[in-house]
Amino acid sequence: MTWLLPAQGKPYKLRALQKPISFLEAAINSDSMVMPEALLAMYKSDEITQTRLKLMYDLAKTKQAQKMQKQRTVL
């Protein structure tokens, strides 16, 4: 098994990186503010995890929208 040892945070098995990568891709590429069902299915372990994931997704989408607005006003 191959491990990734980041400068910060916990080590990941290479296969485990797919979850955070999928989360970030969904937040960046989705036009919807609603959490994609496929992403929720990856984190279906319990209700608390689902709630945390939805809150993180909402925050990521809000930050993305703010960044886009800021870039448009600069142009």
Protein backbone atom coordinates (compact mmCIF):
# COMPACT_ATOMS: atom_id res chain seq x y z
CA MET A 1 0.00 0.00 0.00
CA THR A 2 1.18 3.50 -0.79
CA TRP A 3 0.78 6.28 1.74
CA LEU A 4 0.75 10.04 1.23
CA LEU A 5 2.31 12.01 4.07
CA PRO A 6 1.14 15.62 3.77
CA ALA A 7 2.96 18.53 5.41
CA GLN A 8 -0.13 19.02 7.60
CA GLY A 9 -2.87 16.68 8.67
CA LYS A 10 -3.08 12.95 8.87
CA PRO A 11 -1.45 10.47 6.48
CA TYR A 12 -3.68 9.04 3.77
CA LYS A 13 -3.63 5.77 1.95
CA LEU A 14 -3.48 6.71 -1.69
CA ARG A 15 -6.95 5.23 -2.37
CA ALA A 16 -8.47 7.31 0.46
CA LEU A 17 -7.61 10.55 -1.33
CA GLN A 18 -10.52 10.01 -3.69
CA LYS A 19 -13.01 11.24 -1.09
CA PRO A 20 -11.48 14.69 -0.46
CA ILE A 21 -10.67 15.07 -4.15
CA SER A 22 -14.29 14.27 -5.09
CA PHE A 23 -15.54 16.73 -2.46
CA LEU A 24 -13.35 19.56 -3.79
CA GLU A 25 -14.18 18.82 -7.42
CA ALA A 26 -17.90 18.83 -6.64
CA ALA A 27 -17.65 22.12 -4.76
CA ILE A 28 -15.66 23.76 -7.54
CA ASN A 29 -17.41 22.33 -10.60
CA SER A 30 -21.04 22.14 -9.55
CA ASP A 31 -23.38 24.99 -10.39
CA SER A 32 -25.79 23.81 -7.73
CA MET A 33 -25.67 24.81 -4.08
CA VAL A 34 -27.15 21.38 -3.26
CA MET A 35 -24.78 18.60 -2.24
CA PRO A 36 -24.50 16.01 -5.05
CA GLU A 37 -26.09 12.68 -4.11
CA ALA A 38 -23.03 10.73 -5.27
CA LEU A 39 -20.89 12.65 -2.83
CA LEU A 40 -23.31 12.04 0.04
CA ALA A 41 -23.19 8.32 -0.72
CA MET A 42 -19.42 8.33 -0.19
CA TYR A 43 -19.88 9.65 3.35
CA LYS A 44 -22.96 7.72 4.40
CA SER A 45 -21.52 6.49 7.71
CA ASP A 46 -23.83 8.46 10.02
CA GLU A 47 -26.05 11.51 10.39
CA ILE A 48 -23.39 13.65 12.08
CA THR A 49 -20.97 13.04 9.22
CA GLN A 50 -23.70 13.91 6.70
CA THR A 51 -24.45 17.18 8.52
CA ARG A 52 -20.79 18.15 8.72
CA LEU A 53 -20.29 17.36 5.05
CA LYS A 54 -23.28 19.48 4.02
CA LEU A 55 -22.04 22.41 6.13
CA MET A 56 -18.54 22.16 4.64
CA TYR A 57 -19.99 21.98 1.13
CA ASP A 58 -22.18 25.04 1.76
CA LEU A 59 -19.17 26.95 3.07
CA ALA A 60 -17.03 25.94 0.08
CA LYS A 61 -19.75 26.99 -2.39
CA THR A 62 -20.24 30.32 -0.59
CA LYS A 63 -16.49 31.02 -0.65
CA GLN A 64 -16.37 30.11 -4.33
CA ALA A 65 -19.25 32.47 -5.12
CA GLN A 66 -17.59 35.29 -3.17
CA LYS A 67 -14.32 34.75 -5.01
CA MET A 68 -16.07 34.82 -8.37
CA GLN A 69 -17.92 38.02 -7.48
CA LYS A 70 -14.68 39.65 -6.40
CA GLN A 71 -12.95 38.67 -9.65
CA ARG A 72 -15.78 40.09 -11.73
CA THR A 73 -15.62 43.46 -9.97
CA VAL A 74 -11.87 43.67 -10.50
CA LEU A 75 -12.24 43.21 -14.25
